Protein backbone atom coordinates (compact mmCIF):
# COMPACT_ATOMS: atom_id res chain seq x y z
CA MET A 1 21.92 -16.67 -26.62
CA LYS A 2 20.77 -15.85 -30.19
CA SER A 3 17.67 -18.09 -30.16
CA LEU A 4 16.37 -16.59 -26.94
CA ALA A 5 16.15 -12.58 -28.76
CA LEU A 6 13.42 -10.27 -28.81
CA VAL A 7 12.74 -8.59 -32.25
CA SER A 8 9.71 -6.13 -31.26
CA THR A 9 8.44 -3.53 -34.02
CA VAL A 10 6.08 -0.79 -32.21
CA LEU A 11 4.15 1.70 -33.65
CA LEU A 12 3.64 4.56 -31.46
CA SER A 13 0.41 6.55 -31.22
CA ARG A 14 -1.29 6.97 -27.88
CA LEU A 15 1.32 5.79 -24.90
CA ILE A 16 -0.34 3.65 -21.97
CA PRO A 17 2.33 2.02 -19.69
CA VAL A 18 3.06 -1.84 -19.77
CA ALA A 19 6.14 -2.95 -17.89
CA CYS A 20 8.68 -1.78 -15.44
CA ALA A 21 11.16 -0.42 -18.34
CA GLY A 22 8.70 1.92 -20.36
CA TYR A 23 5.56 1.91 -22.64
CA LEU A 24 3.45 0.42 -25.30
CA ASP A 25 0.64 1.87 -27.55
CA ARG A 26 -2.75 0.30 -26.92
CA SER A 27 -2.86 0.47 -30.76
CA ALA A 28 0.52 -1.15 -31.34
CA GLN A 29 1.62 -3.71 -33.63
CA VAL A 30 4.24 -6.16 -31.76
CA VAL A 31 5.90 -8.94 -33.74
CA LEU A 32 7.86 -10.95 -31.57
CA ASN A 33 9.86 -14.33 -32.16
CA SER A 34 8.90 -15.92 -29.08
CA PRO A 35 6.43 -16.57 -26.87
CA ALA A 36 6.95 -14.07 -24.19
CA LEU A 37 4.27 -11.55 -24.78
CA ARG A 38 0.27 -13.05 -25.31
CA SER A 39 -2.38 -10.81 -24.90
CA ASP A 40 -3.58 -8.12 -22.65
CA TYR A 41 -0.30 -7.26 -21.56
CA GLN A 42 0.22 -10.73 -20.44
CA TYR A 43 3.73 -12.72 -20.30
CA ASP A 44 4.79 -16.50 -20.82
CA GLU A 45 5.89 -17.26 -17.62
CA ALA A 46 7.95 -20.57 -18.49
CA TYR A 47 9.41 -18.52 -21.21
CA LEU A 48 10.67 -15.34 -19.00
CA GLY A 49 11.26 -18.01 -15.96
CA LYS A 50 13.95 -19.48 -18.60
CA LEU A 51 15.21 -16.19 -19.87
CA LEU A 52 15.78 -15.54 -15.41
CA GLU A 53 17.38 -18.54 -15.58
CA ILE A 54 19.68 -18.05 -18.12
CA HIS A 55 20.78 -14.79 -17.35
CA ASN A 56 20.12 -14.43 -13.78
CA ASP A 57 19.71 -10.64 -13.47
CA PRO A 58 16.12 -9.20 -14.15
CA VAL A 59 17.32 -6.22 -15.90
CA GLU A 60 19.47 -8.34 -18.66
CA VAL A 61 15.91 -10.02 -19.04
CA MET A 62 14.07 -6.78 -19.35
CA ARG A 63 16.46 -5.36 -22.03
CA LEU A 64 15.73 -8.38 -24.10
CA VAL A 65 12.14 -8.43 -23.57
CA ASP A 66 11.46 -4.91 -24.21
CA PRO A 67 14.80 -3.41 -26.03
CA SER A 68 12.71 -0.10 -27.20
CA ASN A 69 13.03 0.91 -22.96
CA ALA A 70 15.67 -0.20 -22.32
CA ALA A 71 17.65 2.73 -22.16
CA LYS A 72 14.83 3.67 -18.98
CA LEU A 73 16.59 1.33 -16.74
CA ASP A 74 19.85 3.38 -17.16
CA GLU A 75 18.32 6.18 -15.67
CA PRO A 76 19.97 7.31 -12.05
CA ARG A 77 17.90 6.90 -8.92
CA LEU A 78 18.62 8.18 -5.50
CA LEU A 79 17.56 5.06 -3.31
CA GLN A 80 18.23 4.56 0.56
CA VAL A 81 17.98 0.83 1.20
CA PHE A 82 16.39 0.98 4.79
CA GLY A 83 19.14 1.04 7.42
CA ARG A 84 21.92 2.48 5.06
CA ASP A 85 22.57 5.92 3.40
CA ALA A 86 21.21 6.84 0.14
CA SER A 87 23.25 6.84 -2.75
CA TRP A 88 22.97 7.13 -6.39
CA MET A 89 21.80 4.05 -8.54
CA THR A 90 19.82 3.47 -11.51
CA GLU A 91 15.90 2.49 -12.20
CA GLY A 92 17.34 -1.24 -13.24
CA ASP A 93 19.16 -1.44 -9.99
CA LYS A 94 15.64 -1.63 -8.08
CA LEU A 95 14.89 -4.66 -9.89
CA ARG A 96 17.99 -5.99 -8.34
CA LEU A 97 17.40 -4.62 -4.73
CA ARG A 98 13.85 -6.31 -5.06
CA ARG A 99 15.27 -9.48 -5.58
CA GLU A 100 17.43 -9.27 -2.96
CA GLY A 101 14.53 -8.70 -0.97
CA LEU A 102 15.75 -5.36 -0.10
CA LYS A 103 13.11 -2.79 0.78
CA PHE A 104 14.21 1.16 0.09
CA VAL A 105 12.76 4.59 -0.65
CA ASP A 106 13.07 6.45 -4.05
CA LEU A 107 14.14 10.04 -2.97
CA THR A 108 15.38 11.20 -6.53
CA ASP A 109 12.30 13.78 -6.46
CA HIS A 110 12.67 14.04 -2.76
CA GLN A 111 16.21 15.07 -2.05
CA ASP A 112 15.55 17.72 0.44
CA LEU A 113 14.90 14.07 2.62
CA LYS A 114 18.11 12.61 2.06
CA GLY A 115 19.57 13.46 5.42
CA ASP A 116 16.82 12.25 7.50
CA SER A 117 16.45 8.80 9.13
CA PHE A 118 13.91 6.69 8.11
CA LEU A 119 14.46 4.89 11.58
CA ARG A 120 14.25 7.69 14.14
CA MET A 121 11.72 7.02 17.26
CA GLN A 122 10.14 9.92 18.11
CA ALA A 123 7.56 10.92 21.46
CA SER A 124 4.80 13.65 21.07
CA GLU A 125 1.62 14.35 22.94
CA SER A 126 -0.35 12.37 25.00
CA TRP A 127 -3.26 10.95 23.50
CA PRO A 128 -7.23 10.59 24.44
CA LYS A 129 -8.96 8.58 26.92
CA LEU A 130 -10.91 5.87 24.88
CA GLN A 131 -14.86 7.27 24.89
CA TYR A 132 -16.24 5.73 22.37
CA GLN A 133 -16.76 2.07 23.04
CA GLU A 134 -20.45 1.82 22.38
CA LYS A 135 -20.02 3.64 18.92
CA VAL A 136 -17.25 1.37 17.91
CA HIS A 137 -18.48 -1.64 18.40
CA GLU A 138 -21.72 -0.71 16.64
CA ILE A 139 -19.54 -0.09 13.80
CA ILE A 140 -17.58 -3.35 14.16
CA GLY A 141 -20.96 -4.86 13.93
CA HIS A 142 -21.45 -3.95 10.32
CA LEU A 143 -17.96 -5.67 9.35
CA SER A 144 -18.49 -8.48 6.37
CA ILE A 145 -16.24 -11.49 5.69
CA ASP A 146 -18.26 -11.95 2.75
CA SER A 147 -17.50 -8.42 1.68
CA MET A 148 -13.93 -8.68 1.87
CA GLN A 149 -13.62 -11.98 0.17
CA GLU A 150 -15.38 -10.80 -2.59
CA ASN A 151 -13.26 -7.58 -2.86
CA LEU A 152 -10.44 -9.53 -2.83
CA ARG A 153 -10.90 -12.25 -4.85
CA ASN A 154 -11.50 -9.13 -7.56
CA LEU A 155 -8.36 -7.18 -6.76
CA THR A 156 -6.15 -10.18 -7.44
CA SER A 157 -7.64 -11.07 -10.93
CA PHE A 158 -5.28 -8.65 -12.05
CA TYR A 159 -2.34 -10.30 -13.51
CA ASN A 160 -0.44 -8.02 -11.69
CA ARG A 161 -0.84 -4.28 -9.71
CA TYR A 162 2.88 -3.10 -11.16
CA TYR A 163 2.97 0.83 -10.45
CA LEU A 164 4.25 1.07 -14.21
CA SER A 165 1.64 -1.63 -15.92
CA ASN A 166 -1.75 -1.47 -17.64
CA HIS A 167 -2.62 -3.76 -15.01
CA GLY A 168 -1.39 -1.53 -11.96
CA VAL A 169 -3.36 1.20 -13.53
CA LYS A 170 -7.05 -0.53 -14.03
CA SER A 171 -6.71 -2.07 -10.40
CA SER A 172 -6.15 1.36 -8.77
CA ARG A 173 -9.52 2.55 -11.21
CA TRP A 174 -11.11 -0.62 -9.70
CA VAL A 175 -10.23 0.16 -5.78
CA TYR A 176 -11.46 3.89 -6.51
CA ASP A 177 -15.11 2.48 -8.41
CA GLN A 178 -15.63 0.60 -5.07
CA ILE A 179 -15.12 3.78 -2.92
CA LEU A 180 -17.41 5.57 -5.11
CA LYS A 181 -20.04 3.00 -4.58
CA ILE A 182 -20.02 3.12 -0.99
CA ILE A 183 -20.22 6.70 -0.93
CA SER A 184 -23.05 6.28 -3.32
CA THR A 185 -25.02 4.41 -0.43
CA ALA A 186 -23.99 6.91 2.41
CA PRO A 187 -26.70 8.31 4.40
CA PRO A 188 -27.23 12.22 3.60
CA SER A 189 -25.88 13.43 7.12
CA VAL A 190 -22.16 11.50 6.57
CA ARG A 191 -20.12 14.08 4.67
CA LEU A 192 -17.51 12.47 2.03
CA SER A 193 -15.23 13.52 -0.33
CA LEU A 194 -13.12 11.38 -2.93
CA GLU A 195 -9.94 12.16 -5.09
CA THR A 196 -7.96 10.07 -7.39
CA PHE A 197 -3.93 11.44 -6.31
CA THR A 198 -2.09 11.33 -9.50
CA HIS A 199 1.31 10.77 -9.93
CA PRO A 200 4.32 11.23 -12.98
CA PHE A 201 3.83 7.64 -13.17
CA PRO A 202 0.62 5.59 -14.19
CA GLN A 203 -0.93 4.20 -11.45
CA SER A 204 -2.69 6.85 -8.90
CA SER A 205 -3.28 6.85 -5.06
CA ILE A 206 -7.05 7.48 -3.73
CA ILE A 207 -8.05 9.50 -1.16
CA ALA A 208 -11.03 8.99 0.41
CA ARG A 209 -12.21 11.96 3.27
CA PHE A 210 -14.89 11.63 5.80
CA GLU A 211 -15.46 15.63 6.50
CA PRO A 212 -16.05 17.10 9.95
CA THR A 213 -18.91 17.44 11.34
CA TYR A 214 -18.83 21.21 12.80
CA GLY A 215 -20.14 20.31 16.82
CA ARG A 216 -17.84 20.83 19.21
CA ALA A 217 -15.19 22.27 16.86
CA VAL A 218 -17.10 25.31 16.35
CA SER A 219 -17.95 25.57 20.19
CA ASN A 220 -14.33 25.37 20.78
CA GLY A 221 -13.53 27.49 17.77
CA ASN A 222 -11.43 25.85 16.18
CA ILE A 223 -12.83 24.91 13.22
CA ALA A 224 -9.43 23.91 11.09
CA LEU A 225 -8.41 20.76 13.04
CA PRO A 226 -5.83 18.43 11.98
CA ARG A 227 -6.92 15.40 10.28
CA ILE A 228 -6.44 11.80 10.98
CA VAL A 229 -4.57 9.28 7.79
CA LEU A 230 -4.98 5.50 8.02
CA GLY A 231 -3.20 4.12 5.32
CA THR A 232 -2.12 1.19 3.05
CA HIS A 233 -0.78 0.34 -0.25
CA MET A 234 -2.71 -1.11 -3.26
CA ASP A 235 0.25 -2.14 -5.68
CA SER A 236 2.01 -5.22 -5.72
CA ALA A 237 5.30 -6.64 -7.46
CA ASN A 238 6.70 -9.89 -8.73
CA TYR A 239 10.27 -9.57 -7.42
CA ARG A 240 11.61 -11.90 -9.62
CA LEU A 241 10.76 -9.61 -12.52
CA PRO A 242 8.17 -7.16 -12.63
CA LEU A 243 6.30 -8.66 -15.93
CA LEU A 244 5.29 -11.67 -14.08
CA PRO A 245 2.23 -12.32 -12.20
CA SER A 246 1.53 -11.05 -8.90
CA PRO A 247 -1.52 -11.46 -7.08
CA GLY A 248 -0.26 -9.61 -4.15
CA ALA A 249 -3.40 -10.91 -1.70
CA ASP A 250 -1.20 -10.34 1.57
CA ASP A 251 0.97 -7.82 0.45
CA ASP A 252 -0.98 -5.66 0.34
CA GLY A 253 -4.52 -6.98 -0.85
CA SER A 254 -5.45 -7.93 2.80
CA GLY A 255 -4.57 -3.99 3.85
CA THR A 256 -6.55 -2.68 0.66
CA VAL A 257 -9.58 -4.53 1.74
CA ALA A 258 -9.25 -3.92 5.02
CA LEU A 259 -9.51 -0.22 4.63
CA ILE A 260 -12.05 -0.64 2.04
CA GLU A 261 -14.20 -2.89 4.79
CA ALA A 262 -13.40 -0.42 7.47
CA PHE A 263 -14.47 2.67 5.34
CA ARG A 264 -17.80 0.55 4.15
CA ALA A 265 -18.83 -0.01 7.98
CA LEU A 266 -18.07 3.36 8.77
CA VAL A 267 -20.62 5.09 6.20
CA GLU A 268 -22.91 2.33 7.05
CA GLY A 269 -22.94 3.07 10.59
CA GLY A 270 -22.84 7.11 10.04
CA PHE A 271 -19.78 8.21 11.04
CA ARG A 272 -20.07 11.98 11.50
CA PRO A 273 -16.35 13.18 13.14
CA GLU A 274 -15.28 15.67 14.54
CA ARG A 275 -12.22 16.13 12.57
CA PRO A 276 -11.51 15.04 8.68
CA VAL A 277 -10.64 11.54 8.63
CA GLU A 278 -8.69 10.09 5.69
CA PHE A 279 -8.26 6.48 3.92
CA HIS A 280 -5.40 6.25 1.63
CA TRP A 281 -4.97 3.58 -0.56
CA TYR A 282 -1.32 3.97 -1.96
CA ALA A 283 0.35 3.81 -5.37
CA ALA A 284 4.15 2.71 -5.72
CA GLU A 285 5.06 1.38 -2.50
CA GLU A 286 6.95 -1.34 -4.07
CA ALA A 287 9.21 0.99 -5.95
CA GLY A 288 10.29 2.82 -3.38
CA LEU A 289 7.35 4.41 -1.61
CA LEU A 290 6.79 6.82 -4.24
CA GLY A 291 2.92 6.98 -4.00
CA SER A 292 3.25 8.12 -0.02
CA LEU A 293 6.19 10.03 -0.08
CA GLU A 294 3.93 12.70 -2.96
CA VAL A 295 1.10 12.57 -1.14
CA ALA A 296 2.87 13.61 2.57
CA LYS A 297 5.25 15.69 0.63
CA GLU A 298 2.52 17.73 -0.91
CA TYR A 299 0.48 17.59 2.59
CA LYS A 300 3.49 19.34 4.13
CA SER A 301 3.83 21.84 1.36
CA GLN A 302 0.16 23.02 1.78
CA ASN A 303 0.18 23.11 4.91
CA LYS A 304 -2.18 20.17 5.74
CA GLN A 305 -2.01 19.32 9.50
CA VAL A 306 -1.65 15.24 10.17
CA GLN A 307 -2.37 14.45 13.96
CA ALA A 308 -1.48 10.72 13.38
CA MET A 309 -1.11 7.97 10.82
CA PHE A 310 -1.63 4.70 10.90
CA GLN A 311 -0.46 2.13 8.47
CA LEU A 312 -1.51 -1.53 7.74
CA ASP A 313 0.28 -3.89 5.19
CA ALA A 314 0.48 -7.41 5.43
CA LEU A 315 -2.42 -8.86 7.42
CA ALA A 316 -3.43 -12.45 6.60
CA PHE A 317 -0.67 -14.72 7.00
CA VAL A 318 -0.99 -17.00 9.74
CA ARG A 319 1.73 -19.69 9.90
CA GLN A 320 0.53 -23.10 10.82
CA GLY A 321 0.48 -24.16 14.30
CA THR A 322 0.93 -20.62 15.44
CA THR A 323 -1.74 -17.92 16.87
CA PRO A 324 -2.86 -15.08 14.88
CA THR A 325 -0.99 -12.03 16.64
CA ILE A 326 -1.68 -8.44 15.66
CA SER A 327 2.34 -7.11 15.61
CA PHE A 328 2.99 -3.28 16.12
CA ILE A 329 6.47 -1.86 14.56
CA THR A 330 8.54 -0.34 17.78
CA SER A 331 10.92 1.18 15.72
CA GLY A 332 11.04 3.89 13.34
CA VAL A 333 7.42 5.16 14.83
CA ASP A 334 6.01 7.46 17.44
CA ALA A 335 6.22 5.93 20.60
CA SER A 336 3.37 7.22 22.22
CA LEU A 337 0.82 7.34 19.42
CA THR A 338 2.21 3.54 19.16
CA ASN A 339 1.70 2.35 22.71
CA TRP A 340 -1.76 4.47 22.53
CA THR A 341 -2.89 2.13 19.25
CA MET A 342 -2.06 -1.03 21.07
CA ALA A 343 -4.59 0.40 24.05
CA VAL A 344 -6.98 0.60 20.88
CA ALA A 345 -6.38 -2.85 19.40
CA SER A 346 -6.74 -4.27 23.32
CA GLU A 347 -9.78 -2.58 23.57
CA TYR A 348 -11.56 -3.59 20.02
CA ALA A 349 -9.81 -6.83 18.91
CA SER A 350 -9.52 -10.22 20.03
CA ALA A 351 -6.25 -11.16 18.95
CA PRO A 352 -3.38 -10.77 21.12
CA ILE A 353 -1.32 -8.38 20.34
CA GLN A 354 2.74 -7.47 20.20
CA GLY A 355 5.12 -5.23 19.50
CA ILE A 356 8.13 -5.79 17.14
CA GLU A 357 11.36 -3.89 16.22
CA LEU A 358 11.45 -3.51 12.20
CA PRO A 359 14.45 -5.16 10.97
CA LEU A 360 17.11 -3.25 9.16
CA GLY A 361 15.69 -3.53 5.35
CA HIS A 362 12.32 -3.34 5.82
CA GLY A 363 9.83 -0.15 5.51
CA SER A 364 6.30 0.61 4.92
CA ASP A 365 4.08 4.12 3.62
CA HIS A 366 4.42 5.75 7.28
CA MET A 367 8.00 6.30 6.88
CA PRO A 368 7.24 9.05 4.39
CA TRP A 369 4.82 10.65 7.36
CA ASP A 370 7.33 10.07 9.90
CA LYS A 371 9.97 11.92 7.60
CA ILE A 372 7.99 15.38 7.51
CA GLY A 373 7.42 14.98 11.52
CA VAL A 374 4.12 13.45 11.53
CA PRO A 375 3.14 10.76 14.75
CA VAL A 376 2.99 7.59 12.94
CA ALA A 377 1.88 3.91 13.88
CA ALA A 378 2.20 0.69 11.87
CA ALA A 379 0.94 -2.36 12.00
CA THR A 380 1.28 -6.15 10.45
CA GLU A 381 1.10 -9.56 10.61
CA GLU A 382 3.76 -10.69 11.99
CA HIS A 383 7.80 -10.21 12.65
CA PRO A 384 9.01 -10.03 9.05
CA ASP A 385 12.04 -12.29 9.86
CA LYS A 386 8.97 -15.16 10.10
CA ALA A 387 6.31 -13.50 7.29
CA ASN A 388 4.40 -14.89 4.62
CA PRO A 389 7.15 -16.67 2.14
CA TYR A 390 5.34 -16.38 -0.75
CA GLU A 391 4.87 -12.16 -0.83
CA HIS A 392 5.96 -11.00 -3.92
CA THR A 393 5.89 -13.87 -5.62
CA GLU A 394 3.17 -15.67 -7.93
CA ALA A 395 2.10 -17.56 -4.83
CA ASP A 396 0.88 -14.48 -2.87
CA ARG A 397 -2.63 -15.95 -3.12
CA ILE A 398 -5.87 -16.13 -0.94
CA ASP A 399 -6.05 -20.13 -1.38
CA LEU A 400 -2.69 -21.34 0.14
CA ALA A 401 -2.63 -24.86 1.86
CA ASN A 402 -3.36 -25.37 5.57
CA GLY A 403 -5.36 -22.29 5.88
CA GLU A 404 -2.57 -19.97 6.35
CA PHE A 405 -4.47 -17.27 4.67
CA SER A 406 -7.16 -15.72 7.19
CA PHE A 407 -9.92 -13.34 6.79
CA GLU A 408 -10.82 -13.35 10.02
CA PHE A 409 -7.06 -12.18 11.14
CA ILE A 410 -7.53 -9.18 8.50
CA ARG A 411 -10.95 -8.50 10.60
CA GLU A 412 -9.11 -8.05 13.44
CA PHE A 413 -6.87 -5.29 12.15
CA THR A 414 -9.91 -3.82 10.90
CA LYS A 415 -11.53 -3.54 14.36
CA VAL A 416 -8.12 -1.81 15.48
CA ALA A 417 -8.56 0.70 12.03
CA ILE A 418 -12.33 1.29 13.01
CA GLY A 419 -11.35 2.36 17.12
CA PHE A 420 -7.87 4.71 15.73
CA VAL A 421 -9.95 6.72 13.63
CA VAL A 422 -13.31 6.80 15.70
CA GLU A 423 -11.30 7.84 19.03
CA LEU A 424 -9.10 10.10 17.42
CA GLY A 425 -11.42 11.68 15.08
CA GLY A 426 -14.83 11.73 17.76
CA TRP A 427 -18.06 11.65 17.11
CA VAL A 428 -20.65 14.00 16.61
CA ASP A 429 -24.38 12.84 17.15
């Protein structure tokens, strides 16, 4: 309708990300005959909601809100909806798929992976007997719910964490800063490194690493031991429209702060592994696993060996009247590693555990690692068919009614993460 059309004038000088469809200059002068754009790249939610009601298509709304970058929505992308064959669609089709609640991977820049299945089951090597119970329980004693609450309140204060938005960039930098603060307090004997893994899109992934302490590794004559990877994603997306708020408290703020807290507890406890142990916070999971795809592919191309990868995604929602249960994905993962990780959970977590088959159309950042042959395991809060109904909306918040958001539940997953890296990474006294 003409009365809702937007007229924008953008003076370009220094480009920074603003929204799904494109870029705006930080010093740009934007003239709108609507209240859509308010300040700091935040939008009038009621106005955008009205546009969505009228057009019933997020792509058309994006064309109206950001007409200078509408052409980007037509760019061809090779997308594979989980459980289907890959096919050529467009950048705009991503918005439609998300609105339908479908998960997908963007293979446009990774077409060598096109023919592989994301749902294959593999079984690999046997895994070590649990032997570091005393060390793991000592580290678990360092966990703090207050610390996780403070971190998640800060993380969810960003308007959204969409991978093409200025907020997504700022939130990634915030995560980096939290890890850097932890590293700055590390005991001298703990060897650590931190890097920003940049992508073609604005939001970066973050990799923190415990460097190996060469004790038994040297005596065994094998310094270049494969690394252990813990992963989660730090972006969020409102599936109605990327310009809307997306606090992403559960998906996947819960995983983000769980890994921050596990990392902090291990640093504070003086963790000195025999092999490299890495913590990954991925960008752009909601855009088709873009961040983890690039990281996994670079590791493969550089022959960086990974012994095992464990993904945590959505860890806090407990439906009223149910028992919080740690759910391990049993499809599209490594069977033996998953069974071993379930044994780790039984040893160190207090919550009950279960195995669940991932329904078609669901997925997370462990899948690119499985694609390149790395044994993977993944855990989440509940069967996706009964998962948090507020995910990918403005309502994915900490303060859910009836206490359905549980930091105590996040702590249970964090215990498993600590057990996973210590039992596989070893400990040099």
